[in-house]
Amino acid sequence: MNETVKIWTDLSMSDLNSSRLLHNSGHYRTSYFFFQQATEKANKAFALFAGLLSDKEFKDIQHDQLKIYRRTIVKWESEIKTLIQVLKPYPKVANHKILSKTNFTEYQKTLSEGVSFIDSLRNYDLVNIPTRDLNYLIRQLKKIREVKFRIPRDFETIFKTQMLGVADWIEQFETQEAIEAKAKFQKFINNKEQAKQLYDLITNQILPFVIDIVFVNFTLYLCAIITIQHSSLTRYPNNNINPETIYTKRLPLVKKQTEFMDLLEEAISKLNRINAI
């Protein structure tokens, strides 16, 4: 268990509980502030857990949770650029069937667009998001949570074929190390007992783990979006407007807040379980 991650999730859950109590008693402005704080701490916990950022980098992040995602995407984009350069001297590798359907240039473009999208959020009114849009986000998160993998009956055969394809791909580097790595890979896959253990690990542990991680990640990301403009707005007057007049039960974000808090609590709980493994 990563103890630092546990500290962040404990603080996040404490803030979330405070937010619920305040919301139930009609203190919507302060409630939304604690909801923002809970989301921020949960995002930082996930960033530490996933190795996206170190706790030393949080000083730079401050209350801007979306910087976590922006920096991560920028890192991925840089790694894709490096991979493209690494593969250039190996056309056989780049054109192998394992990678033939992978357009790294398009992927890099998609990552760049992701950075632009995050930057553009600063220009949107994320305080007055319509109820229909909030309902849509809630439905999407629930769909992710309820995803079930259906393993095909011939999965073991399919898996073995794909893994042998990876072994063949490794050989395309045409170095002695690549040839030796392929031989070891093939030996492992052709060992029925070892292959069965790997198959069981994937179906019983890795796939459920992936579903949980995707749910946690998307929940924290969407909660970051709906709280990003509220760290200051919930605390201070803006253009001589009292924030108490903004956070009322008529505001769609306040109306749907408890549903998002339920999803956030579930995401934090899942992150705690995963971190404890």
C-alpha atoms as a PDB file:
ATOM      1  CA  MET A   1       0.000   0.000   0.000  1.00  0.00           C
ATOM      2  CA  ASN A   2       1.160   3.530  -0.798  1.00  0.00           C
ATOM      3  CA  GLU A   3       0.622   5.311   2.525  1.00  0.00           C
ATOM      4  CA  THR A   4       0.768   8.790   0.963  1.00  0.00           C
ATOM      5  CA  VAL A   5      -2.053   7.866  -1.404  1.00  0.00           C
ATOM      6  CA  LYS A   6      -4.071   6.612   1.583  1.00  0.00           C
ATOM      7  CA  ILE A   7      -3.589   9.915   3.404  1.00  0.00           C
ATOM      8  CA  TRP A   8      -4.868  11.856   0.375  1.00  0.00           C
ATOM      9  CA  THR A   9      -7.911   9.594  -0.060  1.00  0.00           C
ATOM     10  CA  ASP A  10      -8.726   9.779   3.666  1.00  0.00           C
ATOM     11  CA  LEU A  11      -8.653  13.582   3.509  1.00  0.00           C
ATOM     12  CA  SER A  12     -10.731  13.500   0.341  1.00  0.00           C
ATOM     13  CA  MET A  13     -13.373  11.299   1.967  1.00  0.00           C
ATOM     14  CA  SER A  14     -13.427  13.556   5.033  1.00  0.00           C
ATOM     15  CA  ASP A  15     -14.061  16.614   2.842  1.00  0.00           C
ATOM     16  CA  LEU A  16     -16.758  14.707   0.974  1.00  0.00           C
ATOM     17  CA  ASN A  17     -18.525  13.837   4.223  1.00  0.00           C
ATOM     18  CA  SER A  18     -18.406  17.508   5.242  1.00  0.00           C
ATOM     19  CA  SER A  19     -19.835  18.456   1.863  1.00  0.00           C
ATOM     20  CA  ARG A  20     -22.774  16.060   2.362  1.00  0.00           C
ATOM     21  CA  LEU A  21     -23.595  17.418   5.817  1.00  0.00           C
ATOM     22  CA  LEU A  22     -23.480  21.007   4.587  1.00  0.00           C
ATOM     23  CA  HIS A  23     -25.554  20.192   1.502  1.00  0.00           C
ATOM     24  CA  ASN A  24     -28.211  18.460   3.617  1.00  0.00           C
ATOM     25  CA  SER A  25     -28.449  21.514   5.854  1.00  0.00           C
ATOM     26  CA  GLY A  26     -28.781  23.926   2.924  1.00  0.00           C
ATOM     27  CA  HIS A  27     -25.286  25.461   3.099  1.00  0.00           C
ATOM     28  CA  TYR A  28     -24.755  24.975  -0.631  1.00  0.00           C
ATOM     29  CA  ARG A  29     -21.847  27.367  -1.186  1.00  0.00           C
ATOM     30  CA  THR A  30     -19.685  25.858   1.541  1.00  0.00           C
ATOM     31  CA  SER A  31     -20.831  22.388   0.538  1.00  0.00           C
ATOM     32  CA  TYR A  32     -19.641  22.926  -3.016  1.00  0.00           C
ATOM     33  CA  PHE A  33     -16.308  24.224  -1.731  1.00  0.00           C
ATOM     34  CA  PHE A  34     -15.759  20.976   0.184  1.00  0.00           C
ATOM     35  CA  PHE A  35     -16.898  18.977  -2.852  1.00  0.00           C
ATOM     36  CA  GLN A  36     -14.220  20.779  -4.872  1.00  0.00           C
ATOM     37  CA  GLN A  37     -11.667  20.041  -2.152  1.00  0.00           C
ATOM     38  CA  ALA A  38     -12.640  16.367  -2.050  1.00  0.00           C
ATOM     39  CA  THR A  39     -12.289  16.121  -5.839  1.00  0.00           C
ATOM     40  CA  GLU A  40      -8.933  17.899  -5.827  1.00  0.00           C
ATOM     41  CA  LYS A  41      -7.483  15.598  -3.158  1.00  0.00           C
ATOM     42  CA  ALA A  42      -8.867  12.493  -4.906  1.00  0.00           C
ATOM     43  CA  ASN A  43      -7.270  13.559  -8.197  1.00  0.00           C
ATOM     44  CA  LYS A  44      -3.951  14.109  -6.469  1.00  0.00           C
ATOM     45  CA  ALA A  45      -4.233  10.690  -4.815  1.00  0.00           C
ATOM     46  CA  PHE A  46      -4.846   9.072  -8.191  1.00  0.00           C
ATOM     47  CA  ALA A  47      -1.954  10.992  -9.759  1.00  0.00           C
ATOM     48  CA  LEU A  48       0.372   9.647  -7.056  1.00  0.00           C
ATOM     49  CA  PHE A  49      -1.021   6.119  -7.317  1.00  0.00           C
ATOM     50  CA  ALA A  50      -0.675   6.022 -11.119  1.00  0.00           C
ATOM     51  CA  GLY A  51       2.759   7.653 -11.085  1.00  0.00           C
ATOM     52  CA  LEU A  52       1.518  10.600 -13.135  1.00  0.00           C
ATOM     53  CA  LEU A  53       3.009  13.172 -10.770  1.00  0.00           C
ATOM     54  CA  SER A  54       5.074  13.282  -7.592  1.00  0.00           C
ATOM     55  CA  ASP A  55       3.859  15.044  -4.463  1.00  0.00           C
ATOM     56  CA  LYS A  56       6.612  17.644  -5.009  1.00  0.00           C
ATOM     57  CA  GLU A  57       4.880  18.680  -8.236  1.00  0.00           C
ATOM     58  CA  PHE A  58       1.628  19.483  -6.410  1.00  0.00           C
ATOM     59  CA  LYS A  59       2.944  22.946  -5.497  1.00  0.00           C
ATOM     60  CA  ASP A  60       2.786  23.731  -9.200  1.00  0.00           C
ATOM     61  CA  ILE A  61      -0.673  22.204  -9.551  1.00  0.00           C
ATOM     62  CA  GLN A  62      -2.190  24.053  -6.573  1.00  0.00           C
ATOM     63  CA  HIS A  63      -6.006  23.968  -7.042  1.00  0.00           C
ATOM     64  CA  ASP A  64      -5.922  23.417 -10.829  1.00  0.00           C
ATOM     65  CA  GLN A  65      -6.652  19.678 -11.003  1.00  0.00           C
ATOM     66  CA  LEU A  66      -6.796  19.717 -14.787  1.00  0.00           C
ATOM     67  CA  LYS A  67      -3.068  20.451 -14.840  1.00  0.00           C
ATOM     68  CA  ILE A  68      -2.627  16.821 -13.769  1.00  0.00           C
ATOM     69  CA  TYR A  69      -4.333  15.623 -16.949  1.00  0.00           C
ATOM     70  CA  ARG A  70      -2.692  18.258 -19.130  1.00  0.00           C
ATOM     71  CA  ARG A  71       0.809  17.346 -17.962  1.00  0.00           C
ATOM     72  CA  THR A  72       0.084  13.635 -18.359  1.00  0.00           C
ATOM     73  CA  ILE A  73      -1.125  14.069 -21.935  1.00  0.00           C
ATOM     74  CA  VAL A  74       1.906  16.246 -22.759  1.00  0.00           C
ATOM     75  CA  LYS A  75       4.163  13.471 -21.392  1.00  0.00           C
ATOM     76  CA  TRP A  76       2.382  10.850 -23.502  1.00  0.00           C
ATOM     77  CA  GLU A  77       2.647  13.045 -26.586  1.00  0.00           C
ATOM     78  CA  SER A  78       6.389  13.415 -26.019  1.00  0.00           C
ATOM     79  CA  GLU A  79       6.764   9.639 -25.601  1.00  0.00           C
ATOM     80  CA  ILE A  80       4.844   8.975 -28.837  1.00  0.00           C
ATOM     81  CA  LYS A  81       7.110  11.409 -30.692  1.00  0.00           C
ATOM     82  CA  THR A  82      10.133   9.553 -29.311  1.00  0.00           C
ATOM     83  CA  LEU A  83       8.635   6.168 -30.298  1.00  0.00           C
ATOM     84  CA  ILE A  84       8.040   7.385 -33.856  1.00  0.00           C
ATOM     85  CA  GLN A  85      11.708   8.375 -34.087  1.00  0.00           C
ATOM     86  CA  VAL A  86      12.857   5.064 -32.555  1.00  0.00           C
ATOM     87  CA  LEU A  87      10.844   3.036 -35.095  1.00  0.00           C
ATOM     88  CA  LYS A  88      12.044   4.963 -38.149  1.00  0.00           C
ATOM     89  CA  PRO A  89      15.191   2.815 -38.649  1.00  0.00           C
ATOM     90  CA  TYR A  90      13.034  -0.339 -38.354  1.00  0.00           C
ATOM     91  CA  PRO A  91      10.404  -0.227 -41.131  1.00  0.00           C
ATOM     92  CA  LYS A  92       9.745  -3.977 -40.742  1.00  0.00           C
ATOM     93  CA  VAL A  93       8.815  -3.387 -37.099  1.00  0.00           C
ATOM     94  CA  ALA A  94       6.580  -0.402 -37.846  1.00  0.00           C
ATOM     95  CA  ASN A  95       4.778  -2.276 -40.645  1.00  0.00           C
ATOM     96  CA  HIS A  96       4.370  -5.555 -38.748  1.00  0.00           C
ATOM     97  CA  LYS A  97       0.769  -6.762 -38.254  1.00  0.00           C
ATOM     98  CA  ILE A  98       1.009  -5.985 -34.518  1.00  0.00           C
ATOM     99  CA  LEU A  99       1.355  -2.284 -35.376  1.00  0.00           C
ATOM    100  CA  SER A 100      -0.117  -2.129 -38.868  1.00  0.00           C
ATOM    101  CA  LYS A 101      -3.436  -0.723 -37.609  1.00  0.00           C
ATOM    102  CA  THR A 102      -1.787   1.700 -35.228  1.00  0.00           C
ATOM    103  CA  ASN A 103      -1.294   5.201 -36.609  1.00  0.00           C
ATOM    104  CA  PHE A 104       1.028   6.830 -34.109  1.00  0.00           C
ATOM    105  CA  THR A 105       0.888  10.149 -35.930  1.00  0.00           C
ATOM    106  CA  GLU A 106      -2.910  10.207 -35.574  1.00  0.00           C
ATOM    107  CA  TYR A 107      -2.596   9.205 -31.918  1.00  0.00           C
ATOM    108  CA  GLN A 108      -0.153  12.051 -31.354  1.00  0.00           C
ATOM    109  CA  LYS A 109      -2.638  14.419 -33.016  1.00  0.00           C
ATOM    110  CA  THR A 110      -5.416  13.153 -30.738  1.00  0.00           C
ATOM    111  CA  LEU A 111      -3.250  13.802 -27.668  1.00  0.00           C
ATOM    112  CA  SER A 112      -2.503  17.308 -28.911  1.00  0.00           C
ATOM    113  CA  GLU A 113      -6.235  17.913 -29.326  1.00  0.00           C
ATOM    114  CA  GLY A 114      -6.734  16.672 -25.758  1.00  0.00           C
ATOM    115  CA  VAL A 115      -4.363  19.352 -24.482  1.00  0.00           C
ATOM    116  CA  SER A 116      -6.204  21.987 -26.525  1.00  0.00           C
ATOM    117  CA  PHE A 117      -9.540  20.808 -25.099  1.00  0.00           C
ATOM    118  CA  ILE A 118      -8.313  21.142 -21.516  1.00  0.00           C
ATOM    119  CA  ASP A 119      -6.969  24.618 -22.276  1.00  0.00           C
ATOM    120  CA  SER A 120     -10.280  25.607 -23.882  1.00  0.00           C
ATOM    121  CA  LEU A 121     -12.247  24.718 -20.736  1.00  0.00           C
ATOM    122  CA  ARG A 122     -11.063  28.007 -19.210  1.00  0.00           C
ATOM    123  CA  ASN A 123     -13.233  29.806 -21.753  1.00  0.00           C
ATOM    124  CA  TYR A 124     -16.413  27.906 -20.865  1.00  0.00           C
ATOM    125  CA  ASP A 125     -18.979  28.714 -18.198  1.00  0.00           C
ATOM    126  CA  LEU A 126     -18.591  25.662 -15.983  1.00  0.00           C
ATOM    127  CA  VAL A 127     -20.779  27.138 -13.266  1.00  0.00           C
ATOM    128  CA  ASN A 128     -24.067  27.130 -15.156  1.00  0.00           C
ATOM    129  CA  ILE A 129     -23.832  23.725 -16.838  1.00  0.00           C
ATOM    130  CA  PRO A 130     -27.385  22.705 -17.879  1.00  0.00           C
ATOM    131  CA  THR A 131     -29.099  19.851 -16.063  1.00  0.00           C
ATOM    132  CA  ARG A 132     -29.358  17.791 -19.277  1.00  0.00           C
ATOM    133  CA  ASP A 133     -25.550  17.892 -19.689  1.00  0.00           C
ATOM    134  CA  LEU A 134     -24.983  16.910 -16.077  1.00  0.00           C
ATOM    135  CA  ASN A 135     -27.448  14.041 -16.439  1.00  0.00           C
ATOM    136  CA  TYR A 136     -25.567  12.887 -19.535  1.00  0.00           C
ATOM    137  CA  LEU A 137     -22.254  12.837 -17.632  1.00  0.00           C
ATOM    138  CA  ILE A 138     -23.834  10.873 -14.772  1.00  0.00           C
ATOM    139  CA  ARG A 139     -25.280   8.309 -17.201  1.00  0.00           C
ATOM    140  CA  GLN A 140     -21.896   7.851 -18.876  1.00  0.00           C
ATOM    141  CA  LEU A 141     -20.131   7.253 -15.569  1.00  0.00           C
ATOM    142  CA  LYS A 142     -22.742   4.698 -14.539  1.00  0.00           C
ATOM    143  CA  LYS A 143     -22.331   2.907 -17.870  1.00  0.00           C
ATOM    144  CA  ILE A 144     -18.579   2.673 -17.327  1.00  0.00           C
ATOM    145  CA  ARG A 145     -19.130   1.346 -13.799  1.00  0.00           C
ATOM    146  CA  GLU A 146     -21.467  -1.366 -15.076  1.00  0.00           C
ATOM    147  CA  VAL A 147     -19.260  -2.588 -17.937  1.00  0.00           C
ATOM    148  CA  LYS A 148     -18.867  -6.364 -18.009  1.00  0.00           C
ATOM    149  CA  PHE A 149     -16.256  -8.193 -20.061  1.00  0.00           C
ATOM    150  CA  ARG A 150     -17.519 -11.177 -21.989  1.00  0.00           C
ATOM    151  CA  ILE A 151     -14.658 -13.572 -22.509  1.00  0.00           C
ATOM    152  CA  PRO A 152     -15.018 -15.582 -25.738  1.00  0.00           C
ATOM    153  CA  ARG A 153     -14.932 -19.354 -25.361  1.00  0.00           C
ATOM    154  CA  ASP A 154     -11.811 -19.620 -27.506  1.00  0.00           C
ATOM    155  CA  PHE A 155     -10.063 -16.792 -25.637  1.00  0.00           C
ATOM    156  CA  GLU A 156      -7.099 -18.983 -24.706  1.00  0.00           C
ATOM    157  CA  THR A 157      -6.464 -19.752 -28.391  1.00  0.00           C
ATOM    158  CA  ILE A 158      -6.916 -16.121 -29.395  1.00  0.00           C
ATOM    159  CA  PHE A 159      -4.656 -14.969 -26.579  1.00  0.00           C
ATOM    160  CA  LYS A 160      -1.933 -17.462 -27.482  1.00  0.00           C
ATOM    161  CA  THR A 161      -2.072 -16.418 -31.154  1.00  0.00           C
ATOM    162  CA  GLN A 162      -1.762 -12.751 -30.235  1.00  0.00           C
ATOM    163  CA  MET A 163       1.107 -13.367 -27.826  1.00  0.00           C
ATOM    164  CA  LEU A 164       2.983 -15.412 -30.412  1.00  0.00           C
ATOM    165  CA  GLY A 165       2.412 -12.478 -32.762  1.00  0.00           C
ATOM    166  CA  VAL A 166       4.089 -10.217 -30.207  1.00  0.00           C
ATOM    167  CA  ALA A 167       7.020 -12.654 -30.025  1.00  0.00           C
ATOM    168  CA  ASP A 168       7.292 -12.511 -33.820  1.00  0.00           C
ATOM    169  CA  TRP A 169       7.158  -8.696 -33.662  1.00  0.00           C
ATOM    170  CA  ILE A 170      10.040  -8.585 -31.164  1.00  0.00           C
ATOM    171  CA  GLU A 171      12.192 -10.559 -33.604  1.00  0.00           C
ATOM    172  CA  GLN A 172      11.757  -7.848 -36.240  1.00  0.00           C
ATOM    173  CA  PHE A 173      14.342  -5.711 -34.445  1.00  0.00           C
ATOM    174  CA  GLU A 174      16.882  -8.233 -35.810  1.00  0.00           C
ATOM    175  CA  THR A 175      19.269  -8.056 -32.869  1.00  0.00           C
ATOM    176  CA  GLN A 176      20.607 -10.965 -30.836  1.00  0.00           C
ATOM    177  CA  GLU A 177      18.720  -9.675 -27.795  1.00  0.00           C
ATOM    178  CA  ALA A 178      15.469  -9.612 -29.796  1.00  0.00           C
ATOM    179  CA  ILE A 179      15.972 -13.165 -31.037  1.00  0.00           C
ATOM    180  CA  GLU A 180      16.678 -14.408 -27.494  1.00  0.00           C
ATOM    181  CA  ALA A 181      13.685 -12.497 -26.129  1.00  0.00           C
ATOM    182  CA  LYS A 182      11.425 -14.093 -28.749  1.00  0.00           C
ATOM    183  CA  ALA A 183      12.657 -17.593 -27.814  1.00  0.00           C
ATOM    184  CA  LYS A 184      11.945 -16.965 -24.103  1.00  0.00           C
ATOM    185  CA  PHE A 185       8.527 -15.506 -24.910  1.00  0.00           C
ATOM    186  CA  GLN A 186       7.576 -18.495 -27.070  1.00  0.00           C
ATOM    187  CA  LYS A 187       8.786 -20.939 -24.425  1.00  0.00           C
ATOM    188  CA  PHE A 188       6.615 -19.240 -21.815  1.00  0.00           C
ATOM    189  CA  ILE A 189       3.483 -19.136 -24.019  1.00  0.00           C
ATOM    190  CA  ASN A 190       3.891 -22.759 -25.125  1.00  0.00           C
ATOM    191  CA  ASN A 191       4.104 -23.910 -21.507  1.00  0.00           C
ATOM    192  CA  LYS A 192       0.466 -24.878 -20.877  1.00  0.00           C
ATOM    193  CA  GLU A 193       0.645 -24.486 -17.105  1.00  0.00           C
ATOM    194  CA  GLN A 194       2.253 -21.044 -17.239  1.00  0.00           C
ATOM    195  CA  ALA A 195      -0.060 -19.903 -20.019  1.00  0.00           C
ATOM    196  CA  LYS A 196      -3.076 -21.038 -17.987  1.00  0.00           C
ATOM    197  CA  GLN A 197      -1.854 -19.089 -14.955  1.00  0.00           C
ATOM    198  CA  LEU A 198      -1.448 -15.984 -17.101  1.00  0.00           C
ATOM    199  CA  TYR A 199      -4.898 -16.497 -18.653  1.00  0.00           C
ATOM    200  CA  ASP A 200      -6.496 -16.808 -15.195  1.00  0.00           C
ATOM    201  CA  LEU A 201      -4.640 -13.727 -13.999  1.00  0.00           C
ATOM    202  CA  ILE A 202      -5.931 -11.682 -16.931  1.00  0.00           C
ATOM    203  CA  THR A 203      -9.556 -12.803 -16.714  1.00  0.00           C
ATOM    204  CA  ASN A 204      -9.934 -12.830 -12.912  1.00  0.00           C
ATOM    205  CA  GLN A 205      -7.738  -9.956 -11.821  1.00  0.00           C
ATOM    206  CA  ILE A 206      -6.405  -7.724 -14.604  1.00  0.00           C
ATOM    207  CA  LEU A 207      -9.676  -7.133 -16.497  1.00  0.00           C
ATOM    208  CA  PRO A 208     -11.714  -6.257 -13.358  1.00  0.00           C
ATOM    209  CA  PHE A 209      -8.802  -4.052 -12.264  1.00  0.00           C
ATOM    210  CA  VAL A 210      -8.864  -2.235 -15.621  1.00  0.00           C
ATOM    211  CA  ILE A 211     -12.624  -1.588 -15.354  1.00  0.00           C
ATOM    212  CA  ASP A 212     -12.173  -0.124 -11.873  1.00  0.00           C
ATOM    213  CA  ILE A 213      -9.258   2.060 -12.985  1.00  0.00           C
ATOM    214  CA  VAL A 214     -11.224   3.404 -15.973  1.00  0.00           C
ATOM    215  CA  PHE A 215     -14.215   4.212 -13.743  1.00  0.00           C
ATOM    216  CA  VAL A 216     -12.013   5.940 -11.150  1.00  0.00           C
ATOM    217  CA  ASN A 217     -10.130   7.902 -13.799  1.00  0.00           C
ATOM    218  CA  PHE A 218     -13.199   9.137 -15.683  1.00  0.00           C
ATOM    219  CA  THR A 219     -15.105   9.962 -12.487  1.00  0.00           C
ATOM    220  CA  LEU A 220     -12.238  12.029 -11.102  1.00  0.00           C
ATOM    221  CA  TYR A 221     -11.698  13.742 -14.457  1.00  0.00           C
ATOM    222  CA  LEU A 222     -15.362  14.738 -14.847  1.00  0.00           C
ATOM    223  CA  CYS A 223     -15.601  15.842 -11.219  1.00  0.00           C
ATOM    224  CA  ALA A 224     -12.508  17.973 -11.839  1.00  0.00           C
ATOM    225  CA  ILE A 225     -14.246  19.631 -14.791  1.00  0.00           C
ATOM    226  CA  ILE A 226     -17.387  20.495 -12.818  1.00  0.00           C
ATOM    227  CA  THR A 227     -15.395  21.855  -9.838  1.00  0.00           C
ATOM    228  CA  ILE A 228     -12.411  23.526 -11.541  1.00  0.00           C
ATOM    229  CA  GLN A 229     -13.926  27.018 -11.541  1.00  0.00           C
ATOM    230  CA  HIS A 230     -15.150  26.819  -7.959  1.00  0.00           C
ATOM    231  CA  SER A 231     -12.073  26.825  -5.701  1.00  0.00           C
ATOM    232  CA  SER A 232     -12.134  30.643  -5.536  1.00  0.00           C
ATOM    233  CA  LEU A 233     -15.724  31.345  -6.562  1.00  0.00           C
ATOM    234  CA  THR A 234     -17.109  29.467  -3.547  1.00  0.00           C
ATOM    235  CA  ARG A 235     -14.982  31.535  -1.153  1.00  0.00           C
ATOM    236  CA  TYR A 236     -14.755  35.099  -2.433  1.00  0.00           C
ATOM    237  CA  PRO A 237     -17.010  37.737  -4.015  1.00  0.00           C
ATOM    238  CA  ASN A 238     -16.638  37.972  -7.781  1.00  0.00           C
ATOM    239  CA  ASN A 239     -17.440  41.306  -9.470  1.00  0.00           C
ATOM    240  CA  ASN A 240     -19.249  42.342  -6.277  1.00  0.00           C
ATOM    241  CA  ILE A 241     -21.471  39.244  -6.464  1.00  0.00           C
ATOM    242  CA  ASN A 242     -21.990  37.383  -3.221  1.00  0.00           C
ATOM    243  CA  PRO A 243     -21.292  33.664  -3.892  1.00  0.00           C
ATOM    244  CA  GLU A 244     -24.152  32.783  -1.560  1.00  0.00           C
ATOM    245  CA  THR A 245     -26.481  34.037  -4.305  1.00  0.00           C
ATOM    246  CA  ILE A 246     -24.845  31.715  -6.855  1.00  0.00           C
ATOM    247  CA  TYR A 247     -24.925  28.430  -4.937  1.00  0.00           C
ATOM    248  CA  THR A 248     -28.618  27.949  -4.372  1.00  0.00           C
ATOM    249  CA  LYS A 249     -30.806  24.886  -4.795  1.00  0.00           C
ATOM    250  CA  ARG A 250     -31.851  26.275  -8.205  1.00  0.00           C
ATOM    251  CA  LEU A 251     -28.328  25.917  -9.609  1.00  0.00           C
ATOM    252  CA  PRO A 252     -28.151  22.672 -11.682  1.00  0.00           C
ATOM    253  CA  LEU A 253     -24.733  21.815 -10.203  1.00  0.00           C
ATOM    254  CA  VAL A 254     -26.211  22.006  -6.712  1.00  0.00           C
ATOM    255  CA  LYS A 255     -29.261  19.950  -7.768  1.00  0.00           C
ATOM    256  CA  LYS A 256     -27.082  17.156  -9.166  1.00  0.00           C
ATOM    257  CA  GLN A 257     -24.282  17.476  -6.621  1.00  0.00           C
ATOM    258  CA  THR A 258     -25.357  14.549  -4.446  1.00  0.00           C
ATOM    259  CA  GLU A 259     -25.326  12.202  -7.461  1.00  0.00           C
ATOM    260  CA  PHE A 260     -21.805  13.270  -8.360  1.00  0.00           C
ATOM    261  CA  MET A 261     -20.783  12.929  -4.714  1.00  0.00           C
ATOM    262  CA  ASP A 262     -22.091   9.354  -4.695  1.00  0.00           C
ATOM    263  CA  LEU A 263     -20.008   8.555  -7.767  1.00  0.00           C
ATOM    264  CA  LEU A 264     -16.962  10.313  -6.322  1.00  0.00           C
ATOM    265  CA  GLU A 265     -17.293   8.355  -3.067  1.00  0.00           C
ATOM    266  CA  GLU A 266     -17.454   5.097  -5.031  1.00  0.00           C
ATOM    267  CA  ALA A 267     -14.382   6.105  -7.050  1.00  0.00           C
ATOM    268  CA  ILE A 268     -12.415   6.939  -3.885  1.00  0.00           C
ATOM    269  CA  SER A 269     -13.442   3.613  -2.320  1.00  0.00           C
ATOM    270  CA  LYS A 270     -12.316   1.709  -5.427  1.00  0.00           C
ATOM    271  CA  LEU A 271      -9.015   3.600  -5.441  1.00  0.00           C
ATOM    272  CA  ASN A 272      -8.494   2.673  -1.780  1.00  0.00           C
ATOM    273  CA  ARG A 273      -9.151  -1.012  -2.514  1.00  0.00           C
ATOM    274  CA  ILE A 274      -6.774  -0.996  -5.461  1.00  0.00           C
ATOM    275  CA  ASN A 275      -4.108   0.844  -3.477  1.00  0.00           C
ATOM    276  CA  ALA A 276      -4.367  -1.747  -0.696  1.00  0.00           C
ATOM    277  CA  ILE A 277      -3.490  -4.623  -3.023  1.00  0.00           C
END
